[in-house]
Amino acid sequence: MNFSGIILGATAFVTIGLFHPIVIKAEYYFGKECWWVFALAGIGFSIAALFVKDTILSSIIGILAFCCFWSIHELFAQEKRVKKGWFPANPNKKKQA
């Protein structure tokens, strides 16, 4: 039996689930200006995935990379959700222009 697909599918599911609250908290405390942290992490994971010889581990690192890249989009979307009142705004965060 080959469990690679199940392992990668479960990894993607869990990683997406973990990144959802990370994006919400990042937007709450830092705003969308922290997008570059996700970009750097995504680039770093992408480079790391290129050099890992194990296919499953390389794929898992690639999943992490693209979850970081997708989180950039979600940061900007989360800001819009906050403006619509769907999520609480941080009263201590300075207002964005």
PDB file of N, CA and C in Angstrom:
ATOM      1  N   MET A   1       0.838  -1.196   0.000  1.00  0.00           N
ATOM      2  CA  MET A   1       0.000   0.000   0.000  1.00  0.00           C
ATOM      3  C   MET A   1       0.876   1.250   0.000  1.00  0.00           C
ATOM      4  N   ASN A   2       0.373   2.279  -0.662  1.00  0.00           N
ATOM      5  CA  ASN A   2       1.098   3.538  -0.743  1.00  0.00           C
ATOM      6  C   ASN A   2       0.317   4.599   0.039  1.00  0.00           C
ATOM      7  N   PHE A   3       0.923   5.083   1.094  1.00  0.00           N
ATOM      8  CA  PHE A   3       0.256   6.056   1.956  1.00  0.00           C
ATOM      9  C   PHE A   3       0.652   7.499   1.648  1.00  0.00           C
ATOM     10  N   SER A   4       1.431   7.711   0.620  1.00  0.00           N
ATOM     11  CA  SER A   4       1.930   9.056   0.312  1.00  0.00           C
ATOM     12  C   SER A   4       0.792  10.058   0.110  1.00  0.00           C
ATOM     13  N   GLY A   5      -0.197   9.692  -0.666  1.00  0.00           N
ATOM     14  CA  GLY A   5      -1.318  10.596  -0.927  1.00  0.00           C
ATOM     15  C   GLY A   5      -2.086  10.946   0.328  1.00  0.00           C
ATOM     16  N   ILE A   6      -2.294   9.944   1.182  1.00  0.00           N
ATOM     17  CA  ILE A   6      -3.012  10.180   2.445  1.00  0.00           C
ATOM     18  C   ILE A   6      -2.191  11.094   3.353  1.00  0.00           C
ATOM     19  N   ILE A   7      -0.886  10.850   3.422  1.00  0.00           N
ATOM     20  CA  ILE A   7      -0.012  11.672   4.255  1.00  0.00           C
ATOM     21  C   ILE A   7      -0.015  13.118   3.765  1.00  0.00           C
ATOM     22  N   LEU A   8       0.126  13.307   2.463  1.00  0.00           N
ATOM     23  CA  LEU A   8       0.148  14.662   1.913  1.00  0.00           C
ATOM     24  C   LEU A   8      -1.209  15.351   2.038  1.00  0.00           C
ATOM     25  N   GLY A   9      -2.269  14.613   1.822  1.00  0.00           N
ATOM     26  CA  GLY A   9      -3.604  15.185   1.977  1.00  0.00           C
ATOM     27  C   GLY A   9      -3.869  15.621   3.408  1.00  0.00           C
ATOM     28  N   ALA A  10      -3.489  14.775   4.356  1.00  0.00           N
ATOM     29  CA  ALA A  10      -3.673  15.113   5.769  1.00  0.00           C
ATOM     30  C   ALA A  10      -2.810  16.307   6.153  1.00  0.00           C
ATOM     31  N   THR A  11      -1.594  16.338   5.628  1.00  0.00           N
ATOM     32  CA  THR A  11      -0.704  17.470   5.902  1.00  0.00           C
ATOM     33  C   THR A  11      -1.297  18.764   5.370  1.00  0.00           C
ATOM     34  N   ALA A  12      -1.802  18.738   4.153  1.00  0.00           N
ATOM     35  CA  ALA A  12      -2.418  19.937   3.579  1.00  0.00           C
ATOM     36  C   ALA A  12      -3.619  20.381   4.410  1.00  0.00           C
ATOM     37  N   PHE A  13      -4.440  19.429   4.813  1.00  0.00           N
ATOM     38  CA  PHE A  13      -5.632  19.732   5.619  1.00  0.00           C
ATOM     39  C   PHE A  13      -5.247  20.386   6.938  1.00  0.00           C
ATOM     40  N   VAL A  14      -4.291  19.797   7.638  1.00  0.00           N
ATOM     41  CA  VAL A  14      -3.867  20.318   8.943  1.00  0.00           C
ATOM     42  C   VAL A  14      -3.172  21.670   8.782  1.00  0.00           C
ATOM     43  N   THR A  15      -2.333  21.799   7.768  1.00  0.00           N
ATOM     44  CA  THR A  15      -1.607  23.050   7.559  1.00  0.00           C
ATOM     45  C   THR A  15      -2.562  24.193   7.247  1.00  0.00           C
ATOM     46  N   ILE A  16      -3.518  23.962   6.395  1.00  0.00           N
ATOM     47  CA  ILE A  16      -4.520  24.994   6.094  1.00  0.00           C
ATOM     48  C   ILE A  16      -5.282  25.355   7.361  1.00  0.00           C
ATOM     49  N   GLY A  17      -5.636  24.347   8.144  1.00  0.00           N
ATOM     50  CA  GLY A  17      -6.336  24.585   9.404  1.00  0.00           C
ATOM     51  C   GLY A  17      -5.521  25.397  10.389  1.00  0.00           C
ATOM     52  N   LEU A  18      -4.216  25.176  10.417  1.00  0.00           N
ATOM     53  CA  LEU A  18      -3.341  25.930  11.321  1.00  0.00           C
ATOM     54  C   LEU A  18      -3.110  27.355  10.839  1.00  0.00           C
ATOM     55  N   PHE A  19      -3.021  27.542   9.542  1.00  0.00           N
ATOM     56  CA  PHE A  19      -2.749  28.874   9.008  1.00  0.00           C
ATOM     57  C   PHE A  19      -3.948  29.802   9.127  1.00  0.00           C
ATOM     58  N   HIS A  20      -5.153  29.271   9.199  1.00  0.00           N
ATOM     59  CA  HIS A  20      -6.348  30.122   9.322  1.00  0.00           C
ATOM     60  C   HIS A  20      -6.265  31.016  10.557  1.00  0.00           C
ATOM     61  N   PRO A  21      -6.078  30.463  11.763  1.00  0.00           N
ATOM     62  CA  PRO A  21      -5.972  31.359  12.929  1.00  0.00           C
ATOM     63  C   PRO A  21      -4.688  32.186  12.947  1.00  0.00           C
ATOM     64  N   ILE A  22      -3.620  31.689  12.341  1.00  0.00           N
ATOM     65  CA  ILE A  22      -2.380  32.469  12.276  1.00  0.00           C
ATOM     66  C   ILE A  22      -2.607  33.751  11.488  1.00  0.00           C
ATOM     67  N   VAL A  23      -3.320  33.647  10.364  1.00  0.00           N
ATOM     68  CA  VAL A  23      -3.614  34.836   9.550  1.00  0.00           C
ATOM     69  C   VAL A  23      -4.512  35.799  10.311  1.00  0.00           C
ATOM     70  N   ILE A  24      -5.504  35.279  11.002  1.00  0.00           N
ATOM     71  CA  ILE A  24      -6.419  36.139  11.766  1.00  0.00           C
ATOM     72  C   ILE A  24      -5.657  36.901  12.844  1.00  0.00           C
ATOM     73  N   LYS A  25      -4.813  36.201  13.582  1.00  0.00           N
ATOM     74  CA  LYS A  25      -4.031  36.846  14.645  1.00  0.00           C
ATOM     75  C   LYS A  25      -3.004  37.818  14.070  1.00  0.00           C
ATOM     76  N   ALA A  26      -2.365  37.450  12.978  1.00  0.00           N
ATOM     77  CA  ALA A  26      -1.374  38.344  12.361  1.00  0.00           C
ATOM     78  C   ALA A  26      -2.027  39.647  11.922  1.00  0.00           C
ATOM     79  N   GLU A  27      -3.197  39.560  11.301  1.00  0.00           N
ATOM     80  CA  GLU A  27      -3.892  40.773  10.866  1.00  0.00           C
ATOM     81  C   GLU A  27      -4.335  41.580  12.081  1.00  0.00           C
ATOM     82  N   TYR A  28      -4.794  40.913  13.125  1.00  0.00           N
ATOM     83  CA  TYR A  28      -5.294  41.598  14.320  1.00  0.00           C
ATOM     84  C   TYR A  28      -4.173  42.399  14.988  1.00  0.00           C
ATOM     85  N   TYR A  29      -3.020  41.785  15.152  1.00  0.00           N
ATOM     86  CA  TYR A  29      -1.934  42.435  15.879  1.00  0.00           C
ATOM     87  C   TYR A  29      -1.015  43.294  15.017  1.00  0.00           C
ATOM     88  N   PHE A  30      -0.809  42.924  13.766  1.00  0.00           N
ATOM     89  CA  PHE A  30       0.170  43.619  12.940  1.00  0.00           C
ATOM     90  C   PHE A  30      -0.412  44.267  11.684  1.00  0.00           C
ATOM     91  N   GLY A  31      -1.613  43.871  11.292  1.00  0.00           N
ATOM     92  CA  GLY A  31      -2.206  44.394  10.067  1.00  0.00           C
ATOM     93  C   GLY A  31      -1.623  43.706   8.845  1.00  0.00           C
ATOM     94  N   LYS A  32      -2.037  44.168   7.695  1.00  0.00           N
ATOM     95  CA  LYS A  32      -1.596  43.519   6.460  1.00  0.00           C
ATOM     96  C   LYS A  32      -0.133  43.801   6.154  1.00  0.00           C
ATOM     97  N   GLU A  33       0.484  44.746   6.891  1.00  0.00           N
ATOM     98  CA  GLU A  33       1.878  45.101   6.637  1.00  0.00           C
ATOM     99  C   GLU A  33       2.853  43.963   6.948  1.00  0.00           C
ATOM    100  N   CYS A  34       2.392  42.921   7.606  1.00  0.00           N
ATOM    101  CA  CYS A  34       3.277  41.782   7.908  1.00  0.00           C
ATOM    102  C   CYS A  34       3.269  40.753   6.774  1.00  0.00           C
ATOM    103  N   TRP A  35       2.733  41.119   5.624  1.00  0.00           N
ATOM    104  CA  TRP A  35       2.665  40.182   4.495  1.00  0.00           C
ATOM    105  C   TRP A  35       4.043  39.688   4.099  1.00  0.00           C
ATOM    106  N   TRP A  36       5.051  40.527   4.236  1.00  0.00           N
ATOM    107  CA  TRP A  36       6.410  40.163   3.823  1.00  0.00           C
ATOM    108  C   TRP A  36       6.973  39.013   4.656  1.00  0.00           C
ATOM    109  N   VAL A  37       6.502  38.852   5.900  1.00  0.00           N
ATOM    110  CA  VAL A  37       6.950  37.729   6.727  1.00  0.00           C
ATOM    111  C   VAL A  37       6.489  36.419   6.086  1.00  0.00           C
ATOM    112  N   PHE A  38       5.237  36.394   5.635  1.00  0.00           N
ATOM    113  CA  PHE A  38       4.718  35.204   4.958  1.00  0.00           C
ATOM    114  C   PHE A  38       5.444  34.982   3.630  1.00  0.00           C
ATOM    115  N   ALA A  39       5.776  36.074   2.928  1.00  0.00           N
ATOM    116  CA  ALA A  39       6.498  35.944   1.659  1.00  0.00           C
ATOM    117  C   ALA A  39       7.884  35.352   1.877  1.00  0.00           C
ATOM    118  N   LEU A  40       8.606  35.866   2.876  1.00  0.00           N
ATOM    119  CA  LEU A  40       9.938  35.335   3.164  1.00  0.00           C
ATOM    120  C   LEU A  40       9.882  33.872   3.609  1.00  0.00           C
ATOM    121  N   ALA A  41       8.901  33.550   4.440  1.00  0.00           N
ATOM    122  CA  ALA A  41       8.741  32.162   4.877  1.00  0.00           C
ATOM    123  C   ALA A  41       8.425  31.268   3.687  1.00  0.00           C
ATOM    124  N   GLY A  42       7.553  31.727   2.804  1.00  0.00           N
ATOM    125  CA  GLY A  42       7.199  30.954   1.616  1.00  0.00           C
ATOM    126  C   GLY A  42       8.395  30.733   0.709  1.00  0.00           C
ATOM    127  N   ILE A  43       9.190  31.768   0.523  1.00  0.00           N
ATOM    128  CA  ILE A  43      10.392  31.632  -0.307  1.00  0.00           C
ATOM    129  C   ILE A  43      11.377  30.671   0.351  1.00  0.00           C
ATOM    130  N   GLY A  44      11.552  30.817   1.656  1.00  0.00           N
ATOM    131  CA  GLY A  44      12.460  29.929   2.376  1.00  0.00           C
ATOM    132  C   GLY A  44      12.036  28.474   2.304  1.00  0.00           C
ATOM    133  N   PHE A  45      10.748  28.220   2.520  1.00  0.00           N
ATOM    134  CA  PHE A  45      10.248  26.843   2.420  1.00  0.00           C
ATOM    135  C   PHE A  45      10.371  26.312   0.991  1.00  0.00           C
ATOM    136  N   SER A  46      10.132  27.177   0.012  1.00  0.00           N
ATOM    137  CA  SER A  46      10.252  26.746  -1.390  1.00  0.00           C
ATOM    138  C   SER A  46      11.685  26.325  -1.715  1.00  0.00           C
ATOM    139  N   ILE A  47      12.622  27.126  -1.271  1.00  0.00           N
ATOM    140  CA  ILE A  47      14.027  26.788  -1.501  1.00  0.00           C
ATOM    141  C   ILE A  47      14.391  25.503  -0.768  1.00  0.00           C
ATOM    142  N   ALA A  48      13.943  25.392   0.474  1.00  0.00           N
ATOM    143  CA  ALA A  48      14.229  24.178   1.254  1.00  0.00           C
ATOM    144  C   ALA A  48      13.663  22.941   0.570  1.00  0.00           C
ATOM    145  N   ALA A  49      12.452  23.053   0.021  1.00  0.00           N
ATOM    146  CA  ALA A  49      11.826  21.905  -0.645  1.00  0.00           C
ATOM    147  C   ALA A  49      12.645  21.424  -1.836  1.00  0.00           C
ATOM    148  N   LEU A  50      13.358  22.336  -2.469  1.00  0.00           N
ATOM    149  CA  LEU A  50      14.187  21.963  -3.615  1.00  0.00           C
ATOM    150  C   LEU A  50      15.383  21.095  -3.219  1.00  0.00           C
ATOM    151  N   PHE A  51      15.841  21.241  -1.996  1.00  0.00           N
ATOM    152  CA  PHE A  51      17.061  20.565  -1.570  1.00  0.00           C
ATOM    153  C   PHE A  51      16.829  19.332  -0.703  1.00  0.00           C
ATOM    154  N   VAL A  52      15.582  19.054  -0.347  1.00  0.00           N
ATOM    155  CA  VAL A  52      15.275  17.863   0.456  1.00  0.00           C
ATOM    156  C   VAL A  52      15.112  16.677  -0.490  1.00  0.00           C
ATOM    157  N   LYS A  53      15.845  15.629  -0.221  1.00  0.00           N
ATOM    158  CA  LYS A  53      15.836  14.470  -1.126  1.00  0.00           C
ATOM    159  C   LYS A  53      14.583  13.606  -0.980  1.00  0.00           C
ATOM    160  N   ASP A  54      14.049  13.515   0.222  1.00  0.00           N
ATOM    161  CA  ASP A  54      12.865  12.684   0.451  1.00  0.00           C
ATOM    162  C   ASP A  54      11.640  13.339  -0.185  1.00  0.00           C
ATOM    163  N   THR A  55      10.960  12.603  -1.024  1.00  0.00           N
ATOM    164  CA  THR A  55       9.836  13.161  -1.787  1.00  0.00           C
ATOM    165  C   THR A  55       8.697  13.613  -0.890  1.00  0.00           C
ATOM    166  N   ILE A  56       8.351  12.811   0.090  1.00  0.00           N
ATOM    167  CA  ILE A  56       7.225  13.174   0.959  1.00  0.00           C
ATOM    168  C   ILE A  56       7.575  14.410   1.789  1.00  0.00           C
ATOM    169  N   LEU A  57       8.761  14.426   2.373  1.00  0.00           N
ATOM    170  CA  LEU A  57       9.166  15.582   3.179  1.00  0.00           C
ATOM    171  C   LEU A  57       9.280  16.837   2.310  1.00  0.00           C
ATOM    172  N   SER A  58       9.824  16.703   1.121  1.00  0.00           N
ATOM    173  CA  SER A  58       9.905  17.833   0.208  1.00  0.00           C
ATOM    174  C   SER A  58       8.506  18.349  -0.139  1.00  0.00           C
ATOM    175  N   SER A  59       7.572  17.445  -0.334  1.00  0.00           N
ATOM    176  CA  SER A  59       6.191  17.839  -0.640  1.00  0.00           C
ATOM    177  C   SER A  59       5.548  18.550   0.543  1.00  0.00           C
ATOM    178  N   ILE A  60       5.796  18.066   1.742  1.00  0.00           N
ATOM    179  CA  ILE A  60       5.245  18.702   2.939  1.00  0.00           C
ATOM    180  C   ILE A  60       5.797  20.121   3.082  1.00  0.00           C
ATOM    181  N   ILE A  61       7.089  20.276   2.848  1.00  0.00           N
ATOM    182  CA  ILE A  61       7.691  21.605   2.912  1.00  0.00           C
ATOM    183  C   ILE A  61       7.113  22.501   1.814  1.00  0.00           C
ATOM    184  N   GLY A  62       6.861  21.940   0.644  1.00  0.00           N
ATOM    185  CA  GLY A  62       6.219  22.698  -0.433  1.00  0.00           C
ATOM    186  C   GLY A  62       4.811  23.125  -0.061  1.00  0.00           C
ATOM    187  N   ILE A  63       4.085  22.266   0.616  1.00  0.00           N
ATOM    188  CA  ILE A  63       2.742  22.623   1.092  1.00  0.00           C
ATOM    189  C   ILE A  63       2.833  23.796   2.055  1.00  0.00           C
ATOM    190  N   LEU A  64       3.793  23.749   2.964  1.00  0.00           N
ATOM    191  CA  LEU A  64       3.998  24.870   3.888  1.00  0.00           C
ATOM    192  C   LEU A  64       4.304  26.156   3.123  1.00  0.00           C
ATOM    193  N   ALA A  65       5.154  26.047   2.103  1.00  0.00           N
ATOM    194  CA  ALA A  65       5.515  27.225   1.312  1.00  0.00           C
ATOM    195  C   ALA A  65       4.287  27.871   0.692  1.00  0.00           C
ATOM    196  N   PHE A  66       3.456  27.066   0.071  1.00  0.00           N
ATOM    197  CA  PHE A  66       2.316  27.656  -0.623  1.00  0.00           C
ATOM    198  C   PHE A  66       1.192  28.057   0.315  1.00  0.00           C
ATOM    199  N   CYS A  67       1.153  27.491   1.502  1.00  0.00           N
ATOM    200  CA  CYS A  67       0.234  28.008   2.523  1.00  0.00           C
ATOM    201  C   CYS A  67       0.687  29.403   2.964  1.00  0.00           C
ATOM    202  N   CYS A  68       1.998  29.605   3.046  1.00  0.00           N
ATOM    203  CA  CYS A  68       2.520  30.938   3.366  1.00  0.00           C
ATOM    204  C   CYS A  68       2.152  31.930   2.271  1.00  0.00           C
ATOM    205  N   PHE A  69       2.333  31.530   1.015  1.00  0.00           N
ATOM    206  CA  PHE A  69       1.991  32.422  -0.092  1.00  0.00           C
ATOM    207  C   PHE A  69       0.495  32.747  -0.109  1.00  0.00           C
ATOM    208  N   TRP A  70      -0.341  31.753   0.134  1.00  0.00           N
ATOM    209  CA  TRP A  70      -1.784  31.984   0.152  1.00  0.00           C
ATOM    210  C   TRP A  70      -2.174  32.886   1.316  1.00  0.00           C
ATOM    211  N   SER A  71      -1.423  32.812   2.402  1.00  0.00           N
ATOM    212  CA  SER A  71      -1.713  33.634   3.572  1.00  0.00           C
ATOM    213  C   SER A  71      -1.555  35.114   3.273  1.00  0.00           C
ATOM    214  N   ILE A  72      -0.710  35.467   2.319  1.00  0.00           N
ATOM    215  CA  ILE A  72      -0.575  36.870   1.920  1.00  0.00           C
ATOM    216  C   ILE A  72      -1.907  37.373   1.385  1.00  0.00           C
ATOM    217  N   HIS A  73      -2.508  36.599   0.496  1.00  0.00           N
ATOM    218  CA  HIS A  73      -3.835  36.953  -0.030  1.00  0.00           C
ATOM    219  C   HIS A  73      -4.848  37.035   1.109  1.00  0.00           C
ATOM    220  N   GLU A  74      -4.792  36.077   2.008  1.00  0.00           N
ATOM    221  CA  GLU A  74      -5.768  36.036   3.103  1.00  0.00           C
ATOM    222  C   GLU A  74      -5.604  37.199   4.073  1.00  0.00           C
ATOM    223  N   LEU A  75      -4.393  37.712   4.258  1.00  0.00           N
ATOM    224  CA  LEU A  75      -4.201  38.887   5.112  1.00  0.00           C
ATOM    225  C   LEU A  75      -4.997  40.073   4.578  1.00  0.00           C
ATOM    226  N   PHE A  76      -4.909  40.291   3.280  1.00  0.00           N
ATOM    227  CA  PHE A  76      -5.634  41.408   2.674  1.00  0.00           C
ATOM    228  C   PHE A  76      -7.147  41.160   2.717  1.00  0.00           C
ATOM    229  N   ALA A  77      -7.549  39.913   2.522  1.00  0.00           N
ATOM    230  CA  ALA A  77      -8.974  39.575   2.616  1.00  0.00           C
ATOM    231  C   ALA A  77      -9.464  39.707   4.057  1.00  0.00           C
ATOM    232  N   GLN A  78      -8.613  39.351   5.009  1.00  0.00           N
ATOM    233  CA  GLN A  78      -8.996  39.458   6.418  1.00  0.00           C
ATOM    234  C   GLN A  78      -9.207  40.914   6.813  1.00  0.00           C
ATOM    235  N   GLU A  79      -8.385  41.799   6.279  1.00  0.00           N
ATOM    236  CA  GLU A  79      -8.573  43.221   6.558  1.00  0.00           C
ATOM    237  C   GLU A  79      -9.955  43.677   6.091  1.00  0.00           C
ATOM    238  N   LYS A  80     -10.371  43.211   4.925  1.00  0.00           N
ATOM    239  CA  LYS A  80     -11.699  43.566   4.410  1.00  0.00           C
ATOM    240  C   LYS A  80     -12.800  42.969   5.285  1.00  0.00           C
ATOM    241  N   ARG A  81     -12.589  41.748   5.770  1.00  0.00           N
ATOM    242  CA  ARG A  81     -13.581  41.123   6.655  1.00  0.00           C
ATOM    243  C   ARG A  81     -13.706  41.898   7.962  1.00  0.00           C
ATOM    244  N   VAL A  82     -12.593  42.418   8.471  1.00  0.00           N
ATOM    245  CA  VAL A  82     -12.625  43.224   9.692  1.00  0.00           C
ATOM    246  C   VAL A  82     -13.398  44.514   9.435  1.00  0.00           C
ATOM    247  N   LYS A  83     -13.140  45.156   8.287  1.00  0.00           N
ATOM    248  CA  LYS A  83     -13.848  46.401   7.950  1.00  0.00           C
ATOM    249  C   LYS A  83     -15.351  46.180   7.816  1.00  0.00           C
ATOM    250  N   LYS A  84     -15.748  44.982   7.372  1.00  0.00           N
ATOM    251  CA  LYS A  84     -17.171  44.659   7.256  1.00  0.00           C
ATOM    252  C   LYS A  84     -17.790  44.314   8.608  1.00  0.00           C
ATOM    253  N   GLY A  85     -16.951  44.160   9.632  1.00  0.00           N
ATOM    254  CA  GLY A  85     -17.446  43.839  10.964  1.00  0.00           C
ATOM    255  C   GLY A  85     -17.585  42.353  11.226  1.00  0.00           C
ATOM    256  N   TRP A  86     -17.078  41.525  10.350  1.00  0.00           N
ATOM    257  CA  TRP A  86     -17.184  40.081  10.520  1.00  0.00           C
ATOM    258  C   TRP A  86     -16.210  39.559  11.570  1.00  0.00           C
ATOM    259  N   PHE A  87     -15.117  40.297  11.782  1.00  0.00           N
ATOM    260  CA  PHE A  87     -14.118  39.956  12.789  1.00  0.00           C
ATOM    261  C   PHE A  87     -13.823  41.208  13.598  1.00  0.00           C
ATOM    262  N   PRO A  88     -13.410  41.060  14.861  1.00  0.00           N
ATOM    263  CA  PRO A  88     -13.142  42.250  15.672  1.00  0.00           C
ATOM    264  C   PRO A  88     -11.873  42.967  15.224  1.00  0.00           C
ATOM    265  N   ALA A  89     -11.916  44.288  15.320  1.00  0.00           N
ATOM    266  CA  ALA A  89     -10.740  45.104  15.028  1.00  0.00           C
ATOM    267  C   ALA A  89      -9.956  45.282  16.320  1.00  0.00           C
ATOM    268  N   ASN A  90      -8.661  45.384  16.220  1.00  0.00           N
ATOM    269  CA  ASN A  90      -7.820  45.618  17.384  1.00  0.00           C
ATOM    270  C   ASN A  90      -7.856  47.098  17.715  1.00  0.00           C
ATOM    271  N   PRO A  91      -8.408  47.471  18.865  1.00  0.00           N
ATOM    272  CA  PRO A  91      -8.501  48.901  19.186  1.00  0.00           C
ATOM    273  C   PRO A  91      -7.127  49.526  19.463  1.00  0.00           C
ATOM    274  N   ASN A  92      -6.129  48.730  19.755  1.00  0.00           N
ATOM    275  CA  ASN A  92      -4.793  49.247  20.056  1.00  0.00           C
ATOM    276  C   ASN A  92      -3.916  49.389  18.822  1.00  0.00           C
ATOM    277  N   LYS A  93      -4.371  48.856  17.695  1.00  0.00           N
ATOM    278  CA  LYS A  93      -3.592  48.951  16.469  1.00  0.00           C
ATOM    279  C   LYS A  93      -3.868  50.298  15.823  1.00  0.00           C
ATOM    280  N   LYS A  94      -2.798  50.980  15.382  1.00  0.00           N
ATOM    281  CA  LYS A  94      -3.014  52.288  14.753  1.00  0.00           C
ATOM    282  C   LYS A  94      -3.788  52.126  13.459  1.00  0.00           C
ATOM    283  N   LYS A  95      -4.600  53.103  13.161  1.00  0.00           N
ATOM    284  CA  LYS A  95      -5.454  53.044  11.962  1.00  0.00           C
ATOM    285  C   LYS A  95      -4.619  53.085  10.702  1.00  0.00           C
ATOM    286  N   GLN A  96      -5.054  52.302   9.719  1.00  0.00           N
ATOM    287  CA  GLN A  96      -4.384  52.258   8.423  1.00  0.00           C
ATOM    288  C   GLN A  96      -5.046  53.254   7.488  1.00  0.00           C
ATOM    289  N   ALA A  97      -4.272  53.804   6.588  1.00  0.00           N
ATOM    290  CA  ALA A  97      -4.815  54.781   5.637  1.00  0.00           C
ATOM    291  C   ALA A  97      -5.669  54.125   4.608  1.00  0.00           C
TER     292      ALA A  97
END
